[in-house]
Amino acid sequence: MPDPLIRELDDYVVLVPGESERFLNKEETLLWLESWLNNFDSLPLDLEDKSSIQEAAQHLLDTACDLEIKPGFTVQWYAVRLERPGQ
């Protein structure tokens, strides 16, 4: 179970095998997850009870940090705290 403090963070690093890491805000990360979920013919078993791709993406963001797209290919996301000028 993720630390509840993670919910207070609004930035994520996303990792895709073979690509450079990317830093996204919460909304961008949800859209990124939705785009991966849209590639499935049907949602993974633990997400099939969700009523929409958006709900499934939010559930993943709240409860997980990786998604196996196919055997041997897993995308990951981790909440991070970014230093912004003036903070």
PDB file of N, CA and C in Angstrom:
ATOM      1  N   MET A   1       0.848  -1.179   0.000  1.00  0.00           N
ATOM      2  CA  MET A   1       0.000   0.000   0.000  1.00  0.00           C
ATOM      3  C   MET A   1       0.893   1.242   0.000  1.00  0.00           C
ATOM      4  N   PRO A   2       0.662   2.171  -0.923  1.00  0.00           N
ATOM      5  CA  PRO A   2       1.483   3.375  -0.972  1.00  0.00           C
ATOM      6  C   PRO A   2       1.302   4.247   0.263  1.00  0.00           C
ATOM      7  N   ASP A   3       2.329   4.992   0.553  1.00  0.00           N
ATOM      8  CA  ASP A   3       2.311   5.929   1.665  1.00  0.00           C
ATOM      9  C   ASP A   3       1.260   7.016   1.371  1.00  0.00           C
ATOM     10  N   PRO A   4       0.386   7.372   2.321  1.00  0.00           N
ATOM     11  CA  PRO A   4      -0.625   8.412   2.085  1.00  0.00           C
ATOM     12  C   PRO A   4      -0.022   9.757   1.700  1.00  0.00           C
ATOM     13  N   LEU A   5       1.227  10.024   2.111  1.00  0.00           N
ATOM     14  CA  LEU A   5       1.862  11.281   1.721  1.00  0.00           C
ATOM     15  C   LEU A   5       2.056  11.382   0.219  1.00  0.00           C
ATOM     16  N   ILE A   6       2.118  10.244  -0.475  1.00  0.00           N
ATOM     17  CA  ILE A   6       2.275  10.247  -1.925  1.00  0.00           C
ATOM     18  C   ILE A   6       1.115  11.003  -2.576  1.00  0.00           C
ATOM     19  N   ARG A   7      -0.076  10.890  -2.017  1.00  0.00           N
ATOM     20  CA  ARG A   7      -1.245  11.559  -2.587  1.00  0.00           C
ATOM     21  C   ARG A   7      -1.083  13.080  -2.581  1.00  0.00           C
ATOM     22  N   GLU A   8      -0.205  13.592  -1.737  1.00  0.00           N
ATOM     23  CA  GLU A   8       0.015  15.027  -1.668  1.00  0.00           C
ATOM     24  C   GLU A   8       0.961  15.524  -2.758  1.00  0.00           C
ATOM     25  N   LEU A   9       1.622  14.612  -3.451  1.00  0.00           N
ATOM     26  CA  LEU A   9       2.577  15.002  -4.486  1.00  0.00           C
ATOM     27  C   LEU A   9       1.866  15.102  -5.829  1.00  0.00           C
ATOM     28  N   ASP A  10       2.267  16.083  -6.609  1.00  0.00           N
ATOM     29  CA  ASP A  10       1.608  16.327  -7.890  1.00  0.00           C
ATOM     30  C   ASP A  10       2.485  16.046  -9.089  1.00  0.00           C
ATOM     31  N   ASP A  11       3.671  15.511  -8.875  1.00  0.00           N
ATOM     32  CA  ASP A  11       4.579  15.239  -9.983  1.00  0.00           C
ATOM     33  C   ASP A  11       5.022  13.788  -9.947  1.00  0.00           C
ATOM     34  N   TYR A  12       5.277  13.261 -11.135  1.00  0.00           N
ATOM     35  CA  TYR A  12       5.663  11.858 -11.273  1.00  0.00           C
ATOM     36  C   TYR A  12       6.786  11.737 -12.288  1.00  0.00           C
ATOM     37  N   VAL A  13       7.638  10.751 -12.072  1.00  0.00           N
ATOM     38  CA  VAL A  13       8.585  10.357 -13.091  1.00  0.00           C
ATOM     39  C   VAL A  13       7.987   9.101 -13.716  1.00  0.00           C
ATOM     40  N   VAL A  14       7.943   9.067 -15.052  1.00  0.00           N
ATOM     41  CA  VAL A  14       7.409   7.898 -15.749  1.00  0.00           C
ATOM     42  C   VAL A  14       8.539   7.242 -16.520  1.00  0.00           C
ATOM     43  N   LEU A  15       8.546   5.918 -16.483  1.00  0.00           N
ATOM     44  CA  LEU A  15       9.622   5.144 -17.090  1.00  0.00           C
ATOM     45  C   LEU A  15       9.035   4.151 -18.076  1.00  0.00           C
ATOM     46  N   VAL A  16       9.569   4.199 -19.292  1.00  0.00           N
ATOM     47  CA  VAL A  16       9.186   3.263 -20.356  1.00  0.00           C
ATOM     48  C   VAL A  16      10.474   2.604 -20.825  1.00  0.00           C
ATOM     49  N   PRO A  17      10.508   1.276 -20.887  1.00  0.00           N
ATOM     50  CA  PRO A  17      11.739   0.612 -21.331  1.00  0.00           C
ATOM     51  C   PRO A  17      12.234   1.170 -22.675  1.00  0.00           C
ATOM     52  N   GLY A  18      13.529   1.464 -22.720  1.00  0.00           N
ATOM     53  CA  GLY A  18      14.140   1.964 -23.951  1.00  0.00           C
ATOM     54  C   GLY A  18      13.978   3.449 -24.192  1.00  0.00           C
ATOM     55  N   GLU A  19      13.312   4.159 -23.278  1.00  0.00           N
ATOM     56  CA  GLU A  19      13.112   5.602 -23.429  1.00  0.00           C
ATOM     57  C   GLU A  19      13.716   6.335 -22.229  1.00  0.00           C
ATOM     58  N   SER A  20      13.946   7.627 -22.404  1.00  0.00           N
ATOM     59  CA  SER A  20      14.431   8.458 -21.297  1.00  0.00           C
ATOM     60  C   SER A  20      13.302   8.687 -20.305  1.00  0.00           C
ATOM     61  N   GLU A  21      13.666   8.882 -19.045  1.00  0.00           N
ATOM     62  CA  GLU A  21      12.660   9.199 -18.038  1.00  0.00           C
ATOM     63  C   GLU A  21      12.004  10.529 -18.370  1.00  0.00           C
ATOM     64  N   ARG A  22      10.752  10.643 -17.996  1.00  0.00           N
ATOM     65  CA  ARG A  22      10.000  11.886 -18.213  1.00  0.00           C
ATOM     66  C   ARG A  22       9.359  12.298 -16.899  1.00  0.00           C
ATOM     67  N   PHE A  23       9.267  13.599 -16.684  1.00  0.00           N
ATOM     68  CA  PHE A  23       8.602  14.133 -15.504  1.00  0.00           C
ATOM     69  C   PHE A  23       7.284  14.754 -15.947  1.00  0.00           C
ATOM     70  N   LEU A  24       6.199  14.310 -15.322  1.00  0.00           N
ATOM     71  CA  LEU A  24       4.859  14.768 -15.671  1.00  0.00           C
ATOM     72  C   LEU A  24       4.123  15.211 -14.415  1.00  0.00           C
ATOM     73  N   ASN A  25       3.168  16.126 -14.590  1.00  0.00           N
ATOM     74  CA  ASN A  25       2.319  16.464 -13.451  1.00  0.00           C
ATOM     75  C   ASN A  25       1.227  15.403 -13.329  1.00  0.00           C
ATOM     76  N   LYS A  26       0.392  15.519 -12.317  1.00  0.00           N
ATOM     77  CA  LYS A  26      -0.605  14.485 -12.045  1.00  0.00           C
ATOM     78  C   LYS A  26      -1.557  14.287 -13.222  1.00  0.00           C
ATOM     79  N   GLU A  27      -2.058  15.368 -13.798  1.00  0.00           N
ATOM     80  CA  GLU A  27      -2.997  15.267 -14.914  1.00  0.00           C
ATOM     81  C   GLU A  27      -2.336  14.605 -16.127  1.00  0.00           C
ATOM     82  N   GLU A  28      -1.098  15.001 -16.416  1.00  0.00           N
ATOM     83  CA  GLU A  28      -0.367  14.407 -17.537  1.00  0.00           C
ATOM     84  C   GLU A  28      -0.108  12.918 -17.296  1.00  0.00           C
ATOM     85  N   THR A  29       0.180  12.559 -16.038  1.00  0.00           N
ATOM     86  CA  THR A  29       0.430  11.156 -15.702  1.00  0.00           C
ATOM     87  C   THR A  29      -0.846  10.338 -15.886  1.00  0.00           C
ATOM     88  N   LEU A  30      -1.979  10.875 -15.484  1.00  0.00           N
ATOM     89  CA  LEU A  30      -3.248  10.171 -15.700  1.00  0.00           C
ATOM     90  C   LEU A  30      -3.505   9.963 -17.193  1.00  0.00           C
ATOM     91  N   LEU A  31      -3.265  10.979 -18.000  1.00  0.00           N
ATOM     92  CA  LEU A  31      -3.446  10.838 -19.451  1.00  0.00           C
ATOM     93  C   LEU A  31      -2.469   9.822 -20.026  1.00  0.00           C
ATOM     94  N   TRP A  32      -1.244   9.820 -19.519  1.00  0.00           N
ATOM     95  CA  TRP A  32      -0.235   8.858 -19.949  1.00  0.00           C
ATOM     96  C   TRP A  32      -0.696   7.435 -19.636  1.00  0.00           C
ATOM     97  N   LEU A  33      -1.217   7.221 -18.418  1.00  0.00           N
ATOM     98  CA  LEU A  33      -1.734   5.901 -18.046  1.00  0.00           C
ATOM     99  C   LEU A  33      -2.934   5.512 -18.910  1.00  0.00           C
ATOM    100  N   GLU A  34      -3.836   6.454 -19.146  1.00  0.00           N
ATOM    101  CA  GLU A  34      -4.991   6.172 -19.994  1.00  0.00           C
ATOM    102  C   GLU A  34      -4.556   5.733 -21.389  1.00  0.00           C
ATOM    103  N   SER A  35      -3.521   6.375 -21.925  1.00  0.00           N
ATOM    104  CA  SER A  35      -3.060   6.005 -23.273  1.00  0.00           C
ATOM    105  C   SER A  35      -2.538   4.571 -23.297  1.00  0.00           C
ATOM    106  N   TRP A  36      -1.856   4.149 -22.237  1.00  0.00           N
ATOM    107  CA  TRP A  36      -1.402   2.760 -22.163  1.00  0.00           C
ATOM    108  C   TRP A  36      -2.580   1.810 -22.021  1.00  0.00           C
ATOM    109  N   LEU A  37      -3.540   2.167 -21.177  1.00  0.00           N
ATOM    110  CA  LEU A  37      -4.702   1.301 -20.969  1.00  0.00           C
ATOM    111  C   LEU A  37      -5.536   1.165 -22.239  1.00  0.00           C
ATOM    112  N   ASN A  38      -5.571   2.201 -23.053  1.00  0.00           N
ATOM    113  CA  ASN A  38      -6.324   2.143 -24.314  1.00  0.00           C
ATOM    114  C   ASN A  38      -5.736   1.137 -25.297  1.00  0.00           C
ATOM    115  N   ASN A  39      -4.500   0.717 -25.086  1.00  0.00           N
ATOM    116  CA  ASN A  39      -3.871  -0.261 -25.976  1.00  0.00           C
ATOM    117  C   ASN A  39      -4.320  -1.696 -25.694  1.00  0.00           C
ATOM    118  N   PHE A  40      -4.964  -1.931 -24.554  1.00  0.00           N
ATOM    119  CA  PHE A  40      -5.418  -3.273 -24.206  1.00  0.00           C
ATOM    120  C   PHE A  40      -6.738  -3.577 -24.906  1.00  0.00           C
ATOM    121  N   ASP A  41      -6.890  -4.811 -25.374  1.00  0.00           N
ATOM    122  CA  ASP A  41      -8.183  -5.249 -25.909  1.00  0.00           C
ATOM    123  C   ASP A  41      -9.222  -5.282 -24.793  1.00  0.00           C
ATOM    124  N   SER A  42      -8.806  -5.726 -23.619  1.00  0.00           N
ATOM    125  CA  SER A  42      -9.644  -5.671 -22.423  1.00  0.00           C
ATOM    126  C   SER A  42      -8.720  -5.336 -21.254  1.00  0.00           C
ATOM    127  N   LEU A  43      -9.278  -4.674 -20.265  1.00  0.00           N
ATOM    128  CA  LEU A  43      -8.465  -4.248 -19.125  1.00  0.00           C
ATOM    129  C   LEU A  43      -7.944  -5.454 -18.353  1.00  0.00           C
ATOM    130  N   PRO A  44      -6.786  -5.313 -17.714  1.00  0.00           N
ATOM    131  CA  PRO A  44      -6.284  -6.387 -16.857  1.00  0.00           C
ATOM    132  C   PRO A  44      -7.336  -6.764 -15.806  1.00  0.00           C
ATOM    133  N   LEU A  45      -7.263  -8.002 -15.333  1.00  0.00           N
ATOM    134  CA  LEU A  45      -8.266  -8.536 -14.412  1.00  0.00           C
ATOM    135  C   LEU A  45      -8.520  -7.643 -13.201  1.00  0.00           C
ATOM    136  N   ASP A  46      -7.461  -7.066 -12.631  1.00  0.00           N
ATOM    137  CA  ASP A  46      -7.652  -6.249 -11.425  1.00  0.00           C
ATOM    138  C   ASP A  46      -8.277  -4.884 -11.715  1.00  0.00           C
ATOM    139  N   LEU A  47      -8.464  -4.564 -13.006  1.00  0.00           N
ATOM    140  CA  LEU A  47      -9.071  -3.275 -13.370  1.00  0.00           C
ATOM    141  C   LEU A  47     -10.406  -3.436 -14.085  1.00  0.00           C
ATOM    142  N   GLU A  48     -10.796  -4.679 -14.399  1.00  0.00           N
ATOM    143  CA  GLU A  48     -11.977  -4.869 -15.230  1.00  0.00           C
ATOM    144  C   GLU A  48     -13.280  -4.438 -14.545  1.00  0.00           C
ATOM    145  N   ASP A  49     -13.266  -4.256 -13.227  1.00  0.00           N
ATOM    146  CA  ASP A  49     -14.471  -3.791 -12.547  1.00  0.00           C
ATOM    147  C   ASP A  49     -14.623  -2.269 -12.602  1.00  0.00           C
ATOM    148  N   LYS A  50     -13.637  -1.572 -13.161  1.00  0.00           N
ATOM    149  CA  LYS A  50     -13.704  -0.114 -13.259  1.00  0.00           C
ATOM    150  C   LYS A  50     -14.630   0.268 -14.411  1.00  0.00           C
ATOM    151  N   SER A  51     -15.388   1.338 -14.225  1.00  0.00           N
ATOM    152  CA  SER A  51     -16.404   1.711 -15.208  1.00  0.00           C
ATOM    153  C   SER A  51     -15.855   2.458 -16.414  1.00  0.00           C
ATOM    154  N   SER A  52     -14.601   2.910 -16.330  1.00  0.00           N
ATOM    155  CA  SER A  52     -14.019   3.648 -17.457  1.00  0.00           C
ATOM    156  C   SER A  52     -12.498   3.548 -17.409  1.00  0.00           C
ATOM    157  N   ILE A  53     -11.891   3.892 -18.524  1.00  0.00           N
ATOM    158  CA  ILE A  53     -10.426   3.955 -18.599  1.00  0.00           C
ATOM    159  C   ILE A  53      -9.917   4.999 -17.600  1.00  0.00           C
ATOM    160  N   GLN A  54     -10.628   6.109 -17.481  1.00  0.00           N
ATOM    161  CA  GLN A  54     -10.214   7.165 -16.557  1.00  0.00           C
ATOM    162  C   GLN A  54     -10.221   6.659 -15.115  1.00  0.00           C
ATOM    163  N   GLU A  55     -11.263   5.921 -14.745  1.00  0.00           N
ATOM    164  CA  GLU A  55     -11.334   5.374 -13.394  1.00  0.00           C
ATOM    165  C   GLU A  55     -10.220   4.346 -13.162  1.00  0.00           C
ATOM    166  N   ALA A  56      -9.940   3.539 -14.177  1.00  0.00           N
ATOM    167  CA  ALA A  56      -8.866   2.551 -14.067  1.00  0.00           C
ATOM    168  C   ALA A  56      -7.516   3.244 -13.903  1.00  0.00           C
ATOM    169  N   ALA A  57      -7.272   4.309 -14.665  1.00  0.00           N
ATOM    170  CA  ALA A  57      -6.016   5.048 -14.562  1.00  0.00           C
ATOM    171  C   ALA A  57      -5.864   5.675 -13.183  1.00  0.00           C
ATOM    172  N   GLN A  58      -6.942   6.253 -12.656  1.00  0.00           N
ATOM    173  CA  GLN A  58      -6.888   6.848 -11.317  1.00  0.00           C
ATOM    174  C   GLN A  58      -6.607   5.779 -10.274  1.00  0.00           C
ATOM    175  N   HIS A  59      -7.223   4.621 -10.412  1.00  0.00           N
ATOM    176  CA  HIS A  59      -6.982   3.519  -9.479  1.00  0.00           C
ATOM    177  C   HIS A  59      -5.504   3.108  -9.506  1.00  0.00           C
ATOM    178  N   LEU A  60      -4.941   2.994 -10.704  1.00  0.00           N
ATOM    179  CA  LEU A  60      -3.518   2.650 -10.805  1.00  0.00           C
ATOM    180  C   LEU A  60      -2.649   3.707 -10.141  1.00  0.00           C
ATOM    181  N   LEU A  61      -2.941   4.965 -10.408  1.00  0.00           N
ATOM    182  CA  LEU A  61      -2.141   6.047  -9.829  1.00  0.00           C
ATOM    183  C   LEU A  61      -2.204   6.004  -8.299  1.00  0.00           C
ATOM    184  N   ASP A  62      -3.362   5.638  -7.750  1.00  0.00           N
ATOM    185  CA  ASP A  62      -3.552   5.606  -6.299  1.00  0.00           C
ATOM    186  C   ASP A  62      -2.971   4.357  -5.633  1.00  0.00           C
ATOM    187  N   THR A  63      -2.837   3.260  -6.378  1.00  0.00           N
ATOM    188  CA  THR A  63      -2.532   1.988  -5.720  1.00  0.00           C
ATOM    189  C   THR A  63      -1.328   1.234  -6.266  1.00  0.00           C
ATOM    190  N   ALA A  64      -0.753   1.678  -7.362  1.00  0.00           N
ATOM    191  CA  ALA A  64       0.321   0.891  -7.986  1.00  0.00           C
ATOM    192  C   ALA A  64       1.430   1.807  -8.477  1.00  0.00           C
ATOM    193  N   CYS A  65       2.469   1.192  -9.022  1.00  0.00           N
ATOM    194  CA  CYS A  65       3.555   1.973  -9.608  1.00  0.00           C
ATOM    195  C   CYS A  65       4.082   1.322 -10.891  1.00  0.00           C
ATOM    196  N   ASP A  66       3.401   0.262 -11.349  1.00  0.00           N
ATOM    197  CA  ASP A  66       3.815  -0.334 -12.618  1.00  0.00           C
ATOM    198  C   ASP A  66       2.634  -1.018 -13.289  1.00  0.00           C
ATOM    199  N   LEU A  67       2.777  -1.209 -14.603  1.00  0.00           N
ATOM    200  CA  LEU A  67       1.751  -1.860 -15.406  1.00  0.00           C
ATOM    201  C   LEU A  67       2.455  -2.681 -16.476  1.00  0.00           C
ATOM    202  N   GLU A  68       2.226  -3.995 -16.452  1.00  0.00           N
ATOM    203  CA  GLU A  68       2.806  -4.855 -17.475  1.00  0.00           C
ATOM    204  C   GLU A  68       1.973  -4.729 -18.740  1.00  0.00           C
ATOM    205  N   ILE A  69       2.602  -4.245 -19.792  1.00  0.00           N
ATOM    206  CA  ILE A  69       1.929  -4.064 -21.068  1.00  0.00           C
ATOM    207  C   ILE A  69       1.904  -5.382 -21.829  1.00  0.00           C
ATOM    208  N   LYS A  70       3.024  -6.072 -21.790  1.00  0.00           N
ATOM    209  CA  LYS A  70       3.147  -7.413 -22.357  1.00  0.00           C
ATOM    210  C   LYS A  70       4.287  -8.082 -21.605  1.00  0.00           C
ATOM    211  N   PRO A  71       4.389  -9.390 -21.675  1.00  0.00           N
ATOM    212  CA  PRO A  71       5.475 -10.052 -20.937  1.00  0.00           C
ATOM    213  C   PRO A  71       6.843  -9.432 -21.266  1.00  0.00           C
ATOM    214  N   GLY A  72       7.547  -9.024 -20.225  1.00  0.00           N
ATOM    215  CA  GLY A  72       8.867  -8.436 -20.390  1.00  0.00           C
ATOM    216  C   GLY A  72       8.866  -6.946 -20.681  1.00  0.00           C
ATOM    217  N   PHE A  73       7.677  -6.310 -20.759  1.00  0.00           N
ATOM    218  CA  PHE A  73       7.590  -4.874 -21.040  1.00  0.00           C
ATOM    219  C   PHE A  73       6.644  -4.245 -20.030  1.00  0.00           C
ATOM    220  N   THR A  74       7.223  -3.540 -19.069  1.00  0.00           N
ATOM    221  CA  THR A  74       6.454  -2.933 -17.978  1.00  0.00           C
ATOM    222  C   THR A  74       6.770  -1.449 -17.907  1.00  0.00           C
ATOM    223  N   VAL A  75       5.721  -0.629 -17.852  1.00  0.00           N
ATOM    224  CA  VAL A  75       5.902   0.807 -17.644  1.00  0.00           C
ATOM    225  C   VAL A  75       5.761   1.072 -16.147  1.00  0.00           C
ATOM    226  N   GLN A  76       6.445   2.118 -15.669  1.00  0.00           N
ATOM    227  CA  GLN A  76       6.445   2.435 -14.246  1.00  0.00           C
ATOM    228  C   GLN A  76       6.256   3.932 -14.043  1.00  0.00           C
ATOM    229  N   TRP A  77       5.737   4.299 -12.883  1.00  0.00           N
ATOM    230  CA  TRP A  77       5.582   5.698 -12.502  1.00  0.00           C
ATOM    231  C   TRP A  77       5.784   5.813 -11.002  1.00  0.00           C
ATOM    232  N   TYR A  78       6.420   6.888 -10.608  1.00  0.00           N
ATOM    233  CA  TYR A  78       6.709   7.111  -9.187  1.00  0.00           C
ATOM    234  C   TYR A  78       6.470   8.580  -8.860  1.00  0.00           C
ATOM    235  N   ALA A  79       5.799   8.833  -7.761  1.00  0.00           N
ATOM    236  CA  ALA A  79       5.606  10.186  -7.294  1.00  0.00           C
ATOM    237  C   ALA A  79       6.944  10.772  -6.872  1.00  0.00           C
ATOM    238  N   VAL A  80       7.170  12.017  -7.235  1.00  0.00           N
ATOM    239  CA  VAL A  80       8.413  12.702  -6.896  1.00  0.00           C
ATOM    240  C   VAL A  80       8.091  14.108  -6.411  1.00  0.00           C
ATOM    241  N   ARG A  81       9.006  14.647  -5.679  1.00  0.00           N
ATOM    242  CA  ARG A  81       8.886  16.055  -5.255  1.00  0.00           C
ATOM    243  C   ARG A  81       9.918  16.838  -6.051  1.00  0.00           C
ATOM    244  N   LEU A  82       9.446  17.775  -6.858  1.00  0.00           N
ATOM    245  CA  LEU A  82      10.327  18.584  -7.676  1.00  0.00           C
ATOM    246  C   LEU A  82      10.528  19.946  -7.025  1.00  0.00           C
ATOM    247  N   GLU A  83      11.754  20.391  -7.056  1.00  0.00           N
ATOM    248  CA  GLU A  83      12.077  21.736  -6.568  1.00  0.00           C
ATOM    249  C   GLU A  83      11.733  22.716  -7.676  1.00  0.00           C
ATOM    250  N   ARG A  84      10.906  23.687  -7.354  1.00  0.00           N
ATOM    251  CA  ARG A  84      10.549  24.718  -8.325  1.00  0.00           C
ATOM    252  C   ARG A  84      11.143  26.043  -7.853  1.00  0.00           C
ATOM    253  N   PRO A  85      11.531  26.896  -8.789  1.00  0.00           N
ATOM    254  CA  PRO A  85      12.078  28.205  -8.384  1.00  0.00           C
ATOM    255  C   PRO A  85      11.070  28.931  -7.487  1.00  0.00           C
ATOM    256  N   GLY A  86      11.573  29.549  -6.437  1.00  0.00           N
ATOM    257  CA  GLY A  86      10.716  30.294  -5.519  1.00  0.00           C
ATOM    258  C   GLY A  86      10.100  29.454  -4.418  1.00  0.00           C
ATOM    259  N   GLN A  87      10.425  28.162  -4.356  1.00  0.00           N
ATOM    260  CA  GLN A  87       9.862  27.318  -3.291  1.00  0.00           C
ATOM    261  C   GLN A  87      10.832  27.182  -2.163  1.00  0.00           C
TER     262      GLN A  87
END
